[in-house]
N, C-alpha and C. Protein backbone atom coordinates (compact mmCIF):
# COMPACT_ATOMS: atom_id res chain seq x y z
N MET A 1 113.64 37.28 85.10
CA MET A 1 114.17 38.50 85.69
C MET A 1 114.64 39.44 84.59
N THR A 2 114.78 40.69 84.89
CA THR A 2 115.15 41.67 83.87
C THR A 2 116.61 41.54 83.46
N ALA A 3 116.84 41.77 82.20
CA ALA A 3 118.20 41.74 81.66
C ALA A 3 118.96 42.98 82.15
N ASP A 4 120.29 42.87 82.14
CA ASP A 4 121.12 43.98 82.59
C ASP A 4 120.84 45.27 81.81
N ARG A 5 120.65 45.12 80.49
CA ARG A 5 120.39 46.30 79.65
C ARG A 5 119.08 46.97 80.06
N THR A 6 118.06 46.18 80.32
CA THR A 6 116.78 46.74 80.75
C THR A 6 116.93 47.43 82.09
N ARG A 7 117.64 46.81 83.02
CA ARG A 7 117.86 47.43 84.33
C ARG A 7 118.57 48.77 84.18
N THR A 8 119.55 48.82 83.29
CA THR A 8 120.29 50.07 83.06
C THR A 8 119.35 51.15 82.55
N TRP A 9 118.48 50.81 81.59
CA TRP A 9 117.53 51.79 81.06
C TRP A 9 116.52 52.22 82.12
N ILE A 10 116.13 51.30 82.98
CA ILE A 10 115.21 51.66 84.07
C ILE A 10 115.85 52.70 84.97
N LEU A 11 117.12 52.49 85.31
CA LEU A 11 117.80 53.41 86.21
C LEU A 11 118.16 54.73 85.54
N LEU A 12 118.43 54.71 84.24
CA LEU A 12 118.76 55.93 83.50
C LEU A 12 117.53 56.76 83.14
N SER A 13 116.41 56.09 82.92
CA SER A 13 115.24 56.79 82.38
C SER A 13 114.77 57.99 83.20
N PRO A 14 114.75 57.94 84.53
CA PRO A 14 114.30 59.15 85.25
C PRO A 14 115.17 60.36 84.93
N PHE A 15 116.45 60.15 84.78
CA PHE A 15 117.36 61.25 84.50
C PHE A 15 117.21 61.74 83.06
N LEU A 16 116.91 60.82 82.15
CA LEU A 16 116.64 61.21 80.77
C LEU A 16 115.31 61.95 80.66
N PHE A 17 114.33 61.53 81.47
CA PHE A 17 113.05 62.22 81.47
C PHE A 17 113.20 63.66 81.97
N VAL A 18 114.21 63.92 82.79
CA VAL A 18 114.45 65.29 83.26
C VAL A 18 114.77 66.21 82.08
N LEU A 19 115.35 65.66 81.02
CA LEU A 19 115.61 66.47 79.82
C LEU A 19 114.29 66.97 79.23
N HIS A 20 113.26 66.15 79.30
CA HIS A 20 111.93 66.56 78.85
C HIS A 20 111.40 67.68 79.74
N GLU A 21 111.55 67.51 81.03
CA GLU A 21 111.11 68.56 81.96
C GLU A 21 111.88 69.86 81.71
N ALA A 22 113.17 69.74 81.39
CA ALA A 22 113.99 70.93 81.11
C ALA A 22 113.49 71.66 79.86
N GLU A 23 113.12 70.89 78.84
CA GLU A 23 112.57 71.53 77.64
C GLU A 23 111.28 72.28 77.98
N GLU A 24 110.42 71.65 78.76
CA GLU A 24 109.18 72.32 79.17
C GLU A 24 109.50 73.55 80.01
N TYR A 25 110.46 73.43 80.92
CA TYR A 25 110.85 74.54 81.79
C TYR A 25 111.30 75.75 80.95
N ALA A 26 112.10 75.46 79.93
CA ALA A 26 112.66 76.54 79.12
C ALA A 26 111.66 77.16 78.15
N THR A 27 110.62 76.41 77.76
CA THR A 27 109.76 76.89 76.68
C THR A 27 108.30 77.13 77.05
N ALA A 28 107.81 76.56 78.12
CA ALA A 28 106.38 76.60 78.41
C ALA A 28 105.85 78.02 78.64
N LEU A 29 106.46 78.75 79.53
CA LEU A 29 105.93 80.07 79.85
C LEU A 29 106.04 81.04 78.68
N PRO A 30 107.19 81.10 77.98
CA PRO A 30 107.23 81.98 76.80
C PRO A 30 106.20 81.57 75.73
N TRP A 31 106.02 80.26 75.54
CA TRP A 31 105.05 79.79 74.56
C TRP A 31 103.64 80.21 74.98
N LEU A 32 103.31 80.04 76.25
CA LEU A 32 101.98 80.40 76.73
C LEU A 32 101.71 81.90 76.57
N LEU A 33 102.72 82.72 76.83
CA LEU A 33 102.54 84.17 76.65
C LEU A 33 102.29 84.52 75.19
N LYS A 34 103.03 83.88 74.31
CA LYS A 34 102.92 84.17 72.88
C LYS A 34 101.63 83.61 72.27
N HIS A 35 101.16 82.49 72.79
CA HIS A 35 100.01 81.81 72.21
C HIS A 35 98.82 81.74 73.17
N ALA A 36 98.65 82.75 73.99
CA ALA A 36 97.58 82.76 75.00
C ALA A 36 96.20 82.55 74.37
N SER A 37 96.02 82.99 73.16
CA SER A 37 94.71 82.85 72.51
C SER A 37 94.37 81.39 72.20
N LEU A 38 95.37 80.51 72.16
CA LEU A 38 95.13 79.10 71.87
C LEU A 38 94.72 78.30 73.11
N VAL A 39 94.95 78.88 74.28
CA VAL A 39 94.67 78.17 75.53
C VAL A 39 93.22 78.41 75.93
N PRO A 40 92.45 77.33 76.13
CA PRO A 40 91.04 77.50 76.54
C PRO A 40 90.93 78.30 77.84
N SER A 41 89.94 79.15 77.92
CA SER A 41 89.79 80.02 79.08
C SER A 41 89.63 79.24 80.38
N ALA A 42 89.00 78.06 80.33
CA ALA A 42 88.83 77.25 81.54
C ALA A 42 90.17 76.78 82.10
N ILE A 43 91.16 76.67 81.24
CA ILE A 43 92.47 76.18 81.66
C ILE A 43 93.39 77.33 82.07
N LYS A 44 93.21 78.50 81.48
CA LYS A 44 94.10 79.65 81.75
C LYS A 44 94.24 79.95 83.24
N GLY A 45 93.15 79.87 83.96
CA GLY A 45 93.17 80.21 85.37
C GLY A 45 93.93 79.24 86.26
N ILE A 46 94.15 78.02 85.79
CA ILE A 46 94.83 77.04 86.64
C ILE A 46 96.27 76.76 86.22
N ILE A 47 96.69 77.33 85.09
CA ILE A 47 98.07 77.10 84.64
C ILE A 47 99.01 77.93 85.50
N PRO A 48 100.03 77.30 86.07
CA PRO A 48 101.00 78.05 86.87
C PRO A 48 101.72 79.07 86.00
N ASP A 49 102.01 80.22 86.58
CA ASP A 49 102.66 81.27 85.81
C ASP A 49 104.09 81.54 86.25
N THR A 50 104.70 80.55 86.92
CA THR A 50 106.10 80.69 87.32
C THR A 50 106.87 79.44 86.91
N PRO A 51 108.15 79.61 86.59
CA PRO A 51 108.95 78.43 86.24
C PRO A 51 109.20 77.51 87.44
N ALA A 52 108.99 78.00 88.64
CA ALA A 52 109.22 77.18 89.83
C ALA A 52 108.32 75.95 89.83
N PHE A 53 107.09 76.09 89.36
CA PHE A 53 106.17 74.96 89.31
C PHE A 53 106.72 73.85 88.43
N ILE A 54 107.23 74.21 87.25
CA ILE A 54 107.76 73.21 86.32
C ILE A 54 109.00 72.55 86.93
N ALA A 55 109.84 73.33 87.59
CA ALA A 55 111.04 72.76 88.23
C ALA A 55 110.64 71.81 89.36
N TYR A 56 109.65 72.20 90.15
CA TYR A 56 109.17 71.36 91.24
C TYR A 56 108.61 70.05 90.70
N ALA A 57 107.79 70.15 89.66
CA ALA A 57 107.21 68.94 89.05
C ALA A 57 108.30 68.03 88.52
N GLY A 58 109.29 68.60 87.85
CA GLY A 58 110.40 67.80 87.32
C GLY A 58 111.17 67.09 88.42
N ALA A 59 111.42 67.78 89.51
CA ALA A 59 112.13 67.17 90.64
C ALA A 59 111.31 66.05 91.27
N MET A 60 110.02 66.29 91.41
CA MET A 60 109.15 65.25 91.99
C MET A 60 109.10 64.02 91.08
N PHE A 61 108.98 64.23 89.77
CA PHE A 61 108.96 63.11 88.83
C PHE A 61 110.26 62.32 88.91
N LEU A 62 111.39 63.02 88.98
CA LEU A 62 112.69 62.36 89.07
C LEU A 62 112.75 61.45 90.29
N VAL A 63 112.36 61.96 91.43
CA VAL A 63 112.42 61.18 92.67
C VAL A 63 111.47 59.99 92.63
N VAL A 64 110.24 60.21 92.21
CA VAL A 64 109.25 59.12 92.18
C VAL A 64 109.68 58.02 91.22
N TYR A 65 110.11 58.39 90.01
CA TYR A 65 110.54 57.38 89.03
C TYR A 65 111.79 56.65 89.48
N ALA A 66 112.74 57.35 90.05
CA ALA A 66 113.98 56.72 90.51
C ALA A 66 113.69 55.70 91.61
N ILE A 67 112.85 56.06 92.57
CA ILE A 67 112.50 55.14 93.65
C ILE A 67 111.72 53.94 93.10
N ALA A 68 110.73 54.20 92.24
CA ALA A 68 109.94 53.10 91.68
C ALA A 68 110.82 52.15 90.88
N GLY A 69 111.74 52.68 90.10
CA GLY A 69 112.64 51.83 89.32
C GLY A 69 113.56 51.00 90.19
N ALA A 70 114.14 51.64 91.20
CA ALA A 70 115.04 50.93 92.10
C ALA A 70 114.31 49.81 92.86
N LEU A 71 113.09 50.08 93.29
CA LEU A 71 112.31 49.06 93.99
C LEU A 71 111.92 47.91 93.05
N ALA A 72 111.53 48.25 91.83
CA ALA A 72 111.11 47.21 90.88
C ALA A 72 112.24 46.25 90.55
N ILE A 73 113.43 46.77 90.28
CA ILE A 73 114.52 45.86 89.88
C ILE A 73 114.99 44.98 91.03
N ARG A 74 114.56 45.31 92.24
CA ARG A 74 114.89 44.47 93.40
C ARG A 74 113.73 43.55 93.79
N SER A 75 112.66 43.59 92.99
CA SER A 75 111.45 42.83 93.33
C SER A 75 111.27 41.64 92.39
N ARG A 76 110.44 40.71 92.84
CA ARG A 76 110.15 39.55 92.00
C ARG A 76 109.25 39.97 90.84
N PRO A 77 109.31 39.24 89.73
CA PRO A 77 108.44 39.55 88.58
C PRO A 77 106.97 39.54 88.97
N ARG A 78 106.19 40.36 88.27
CA ARG A 78 104.74 40.47 88.45
C ARG A 78 104.34 40.85 89.88
N SER A 79 105.19 41.63 90.51
CA SER A 79 104.89 42.13 91.85
C SER A 79 104.29 43.53 91.74
N ILE A 80 103.83 44.03 92.87
CA ILE A 80 103.24 45.37 92.91
C ILE A 80 104.26 46.43 92.48
N ALA A 81 105.53 46.23 92.79
CA ALA A 81 106.56 47.19 92.39
C ALA A 81 106.65 47.30 90.87
N TRP A 82 106.57 46.16 90.17
CA TRP A 82 106.60 46.18 88.71
C TRP A 82 105.32 46.80 88.15
N MET A 83 104.19 46.55 88.79
CA MET A 83 102.94 47.15 88.34
C MET A 83 103.01 48.67 88.44
N ILE A 84 103.51 49.15 89.57
CA ILE A 84 103.62 50.60 89.77
C ILE A 84 104.57 51.21 88.74
N LEU A 85 105.72 50.57 88.53
CA LEU A 85 106.67 51.11 87.55
C LEU A 85 106.05 51.09 86.15
N ALA A 86 105.34 50.05 85.80
CA ALA A 86 104.69 49.98 84.48
C ALA A 86 103.64 51.09 84.33
N ILE A 87 102.90 51.36 85.39
CA ILE A 87 101.92 52.46 85.35
C ILE A 87 102.63 53.79 85.14
N LEU A 88 103.71 54.02 85.87
CA LEU A 88 104.45 55.28 85.73
C LEU A 88 105.06 55.44 84.34
N ILE A 89 105.64 54.36 83.82
CA ILE A 89 106.24 54.40 82.49
C ILE A 89 105.15 54.64 81.44
N THR A 90 104.01 54.00 81.60
CA THR A 90 102.90 54.20 80.67
C THR A 90 102.37 55.63 80.74
N ALA A 91 102.36 56.21 81.93
CA ALA A 91 101.95 57.61 82.06
C ALA A 91 102.88 58.52 81.27
N ARG A 92 104.18 58.23 81.31
CA ARG A 92 105.13 59.02 80.52
C ARG A 92 104.89 58.82 79.03
N LEU A 93 104.59 57.60 78.63
CA LEU A 93 104.26 57.32 77.23
C LEU A 93 103.04 58.12 76.80
N GLU A 94 102.01 58.11 77.62
CA GLU A 94 100.79 58.86 77.31
C GLU A 94 101.08 60.35 77.22
N ASN A 95 101.93 60.86 78.09
CA ASN A 95 102.32 62.27 78.06
C ASN A 95 103.01 62.59 76.74
N ALA A 96 103.90 61.72 76.29
CA ALA A 96 104.60 61.94 75.02
C ALA A 96 103.62 61.95 73.86
N VAL A 97 102.67 61.03 73.86
CA VAL A 97 101.68 60.97 72.79
C VAL A 97 100.82 62.24 72.80
N LEU A 98 100.43 62.71 73.98
CA LEU A 98 99.63 63.93 74.06
C LEU A 98 100.40 65.14 73.53
N HIS A 99 101.71 65.21 73.82
CA HIS A 99 102.53 66.29 73.26
C HIS A 99 102.50 66.26 71.74
N ALA A 100 102.65 65.08 71.17
CA ALA A 100 102.65 64.94 69.70
C ALA A 100 101.29 65.35 69.13
N ILE A 101 100.21 64.94 69.79
CA ILE A 101 98.87 65.30 69.32
C ILE A 101 98.67 66.81 69.38
N GLU A 102 99.09 67.44 70.48
CA GLU A 102 98.98 68.90 70.60
C GLU A 102 99.65 69.60 69.43
N SER A 103 100.89 69.21 69.16
CA SER A 103 101.63 69.86 68.07
C SER A 103 101.00 69.60 66.72
N PHE A 104 100.50 68.39 66.52
CA PHE A 104 99.84 68.06 65.26
C PHE A 104 98.57 68.89 65.08
N VAL A 105 97.74 68.96 66.11
CA VAL A 105 96.48 69.70 66.02
C VAL A 105 96.74 71.19 65.82
N LEU A 106 97.70 71.73 66.56
CA LEU A 106 98.00 73.16 66.45
C LEU A 106 98.92 73.48 65.27
N ARG A 107 99.49 72.44 64.69
CA ARG A 107 100.42 72.58 63.56
C ARG A 107 101.58 73.50 63.86
N GLN A 108 102.15 73.29 65.06
CA GLN A 108 103.30 74.07 65.47
C GLN A 108 103.99 73.40 66.65
N TYR A 109 105.16 73.91 66.96
CA TYR A 109 105.88 73.45 68.15
C TYR A 109 105.04 73.75 69.38
N THR A 110 104.99 72.79 70.30
CA THR A 110 104.42 73.03 71.62
C THR A 110 105.46 72.61 72.65
N PRO A 111 105.48 73.24 73.82
CA PRO A 111 106.52 72.97 74.81
C PRO A 111 106.63 71.49 75.18
N GLY A 112 107.82 70.96 75.02
CA GLY A 112 108.10 69.58 75.40
C GLY A 112 108.00 68.57 74.28
N VAL A 113 107.53 68.97 73.10
CA VAL A 113 107.27 68.00 72.05
C VAL A 113 108.55 67.36 71.50
N LEU A 114 109.64 68.10 71.43
CA LEU A 114 110.87 67.52 70.86
C LEU A 114 111.38 66.35 71.68
N THR A 115 111.55 66.57 72.98
CA THR A 115 112.05 65.48 73.82
C THR A 115 110.98 64.41 74.03
N ALA A 116 109.71 64.79 73.97
CA ALA A 116 108.64 63.79 74.09
C ALA A 116 108.74 62.78 72.96
N VAL A 117 108.90 63.26 71.74
CA VAL A 117 108.92 62.39 70.57
C VAL A 117 110.28 61.70 70.40
N LEU A 118 111.36 62.43 70.62
CA LEU A 118 112.70 61.88 70.36
C LEU A 118 113.30 61.09 71.52
N LEU A 119 112.80 61.29 72.72
CA LEU A 119 113.40 60.66 73.89
C LEU A 119 112.38 59.83 74.69
N VAL A 120 111.34 60.47 75.16
CA VAL A 120 110.39 59.81 76.05
C VAL A 120 109.65 58.68 75.33
N LEU A 121 109.15 58.95 74.14
CA LEU A 121 108.39 57.94 73.40
C LEU A 121 109.21 56.67 73.15
N PRO A 122 110.42 56.76 72.58
CA PRO A 122 111.17 55.52 72.35
C PRO A 122 111.58 54.79 73.63
N ILE A 123 111.95 55.53 74.67
CA ILE A 123 112.37 54.88 75.92
C ILE A 123 111.20 54.14 76.56
N THR A 124 110.04 54.79 76.62
CA THR A 124 108.90 54.14 77.27
C THR A 124 108.40 52.94 76.47
N LEU A 125 108.37 53.06 75.15
CA LEU A 125 107.97 51.91 74.34
C LEU A 125 108.95 50.75 74.52
N TYR A 126 110.25 51.06 74.52
CA TYR A 126 111.26 50.02 74.73
C TYR A 126 111.08 49.35 76.09
N LEU A 127 110.93 50.15 77.14
CA LEU A 127 110.82 49.57 78.48
C LEU A 127 109.57 48.71 78.62
N LEU A 128 108.44 49.19 78.14
CA LEU A 128 107.22 48.38 78.25
C LEU A 128 107.35 47.07 77.47
N ARG A 129 107.95 47.13 76.29
CA ARG A 129 108.15 45.91 75.52
C ARG A 129 109.06 44.95 76.28
N GLN A 130 110.12 45.47 76.88
CA GLN A 130 111.05 44.63 77.64
C GLN A 130 110.40 44.07 78.89
N PHE A 131 109.56 44.86 79.55
CA PHE A 131 108.86 44.36 80.74
C PHE A 131 108.04 43.12 80.39
N ILE A 132 107.36 43.18 79.25
CA ILE A 132 106.55 42.04 78.81
C ILE A 132 107.45 40.87 78.41
N ARG A 133 108.49 41.14 77.64
CA ARG A 133 109.41 40.08 77.20
C ARG A 133 110.11 39.42 78.38
N ASP A 134 110.50 40.23 79.37
CA ASP A 134 111.20 39.70 80.54
C ASP A 134 110.25 39.03 81.54
N GLY A 135 108.95 39.16 81.31
CA GLY A 135 107.97 38.51 82.17
C GLY A 135 107.72 39.21 83.49
N VAL A 136 108.13 40.49 83.60
CA VAL A 136 107.90 41.18 84.87
C VAL A 136 106.50 41.79 84.95
N ILE A 137 105.88 41.97 83.79
CA ILE A 137 104.44 42.27 83.73
C ILE A 137 103.84 41.38 82.65
N ARG A 138 102.55 41.21 82.70
CA ARG A 138 101.85 40.43 81.68
C ARG A 138 101.25 41.36 80.64
N ARG A 139 101.26 40.94 79.39
CA ARG A 139 100.66 41.74 78.31
C ARG A 139 99.19 42.03 78.62
N SER A 140 98.50 41.07 79.20
CA SER A 140 97.07 41.25 79.51
C SER A 140 96.84 42.37 80.51
N TRP A 141 97.85 42.74 81.29
CA TRP A 141 97.72 43.82 82.26
C TRP A 141 97.59 45.18 81.60
N LEU A 142 98.03 45.31 80.36
CA LEU A 142 97.99 46.61 79.69
C LEU A 142 96.56 47.16 79.62
N GLY A 143 95.58 46.28 79.61
CA GLY A 143 94.18 46.71 79.58
C GLY A 143 93.79 47.57 80.77
N TRP A 144 94.41 47.35 81.92
CA TRP A 144 94.12 48.20 83.08
C TRP A 144 95.27 49.15 83.39
N ILE A 145 96.49 48.83 82.94
CA ILE A 145 97.63 49.72 83.19
C ILE A 145 97.45 51.04 82.43
N ILE A 146 96.96 50.96 81.19
CA ILE A 146 96.80 52.18 80.39
C ILE A 146 95.84 53.16 81.04
N PRO A 147 94.62 52.77 81.43
CA PRO A 147 93.76 53.75 82.12
C PRO A 147 94.29 54.14 83.49
N ALA A 148 94.93 53.21 84.19
CA ALA A 148 95.51 53.55 85.50
C ALA A 148 96.60 54.61 85.36
N ALA A 149 97.38 54.52 84.29
CA ALA A 149 98.43 55.51 84.04
C ALA A 149 97.82 56.88 83.75
N PHE A 150 96.77 56.89 82.95
CA PHE A 150 96.10 58.15 82.65
C PHE A 150 95.54 58.78 83.93
N LEU A 151 94.90 57.97 84.75
CA LEU A 151 94.36 58.46 86.01
C LEU A 151 95.47 58.95 86.94
N THR A 152 96.55 58.18 87.03
CA THR A 152 97.68 58.57 87.87
C THR A 152 98.26 59.91 87.45
N GLN A 153 98.48 60.06 86.14
CA GLN A 153 99.04 61.32 85.63
C GLN A 153 98.07 62.47 85.88
N SER A 154 96.79 62.26 85.66
CA SER A 154 95.80 63.31 85.88
C SER A 154 95.75 63.72 87.35
N LEU A 155 95.76 62.74 88.24
CA LEU A 155 95.74 63.05 89.68
C LEU A 155 97.01 63.77 90.12
N ALA A 156 98.15 63.35 89.59
CA ALA A 156 99.42 64.01 89.96
C ALA A 156 99.44 65.46 89.49
N ILE A 157 99.02 65.69 88.27
CA ILE A 157 98.98 67.07 87.75
C ILE A 157 97.98 67.89 88.55
N GLY A 158 96.81 67.32 88.81
CA GLY A 158 95.81 68.04 89.60
C GLY A 158 96.31 68.38 90.99
N ALA A 159 96.99 67.44 91.63
CA ALA A 159 97.52 67.69 92.98
C ALA A 159 98.59 68.79 92.94
N MET A 160 99.45 68.75 91.94
CA MET A 160 100.49 69.76 91.85
C MET A 160 99.89 71.14 91.56
N LEU A 161 98.83 71.19 90.75
CA LEU A 161 98.19 72.47 90.47
C LEU A 161 97.53 73.02 91.73
N LEU A 162 96.94 72.14 92.54
CA LEU A 162 96.32 72.59 93.78
C LEU A 162 97.37 73.09 94.78
N ILE A 163 98.50 72.39 94.83
CA ILE A 163 99.57 72.80 95.73
C ILE A 163 100.15 74.12 95.27
N GLY A 164 100.21 74.28 93.94
CA GLY A 164 100.65 75.54 93.35
C GLY A 164 102.10 75.64 93.22
C-alpha cells in the first residue's frame, strides 16, 4: 500500500499542478501575440484566443486529478484506479517534457516552462517512482502507460479545443 508521504503528494499534486496552469494562463496569450510568426499556420486557427479556455482547462484538470487521486488511494494496488492515476500523472510528465523541448528548440521562454520544469517534472517523476516502489503499479506497465498517457492528453486537448 502507499506510504503516507506518497498519499500526501498524490492529494497535493492537483493543486500544485494548478500553479502550472496559472503560469500558462498569465503568459500564453501575450506570448502568442508577440511570437505569432513561430506558430505553425495549421495550429493558429485552433488555438483559443481567450484566457477563459486556459482557466476552464485548469479547473477541469484539477477536478479530474483530484478525483483520480482520491479514488486510487482508496483502492487496492494494481487496480484500475491506480492505472488511471498513473496514466494521468504520466500525461503531466509528458506535458512537462514537451514544454522543455519547446523552449530548447525555440531557445526562449515558452508559456508554462518554468513550472513544468521546476514543479511538474519532479513531482510526476517522484510519484511514478513511488507507485512502482509501493507496488501499486508494475514497472512493466510503463510500456503501455506512456502511449496511453500521450493519447489521453491528446484527446483531452482535442476535446477542449472542440468545445471551445
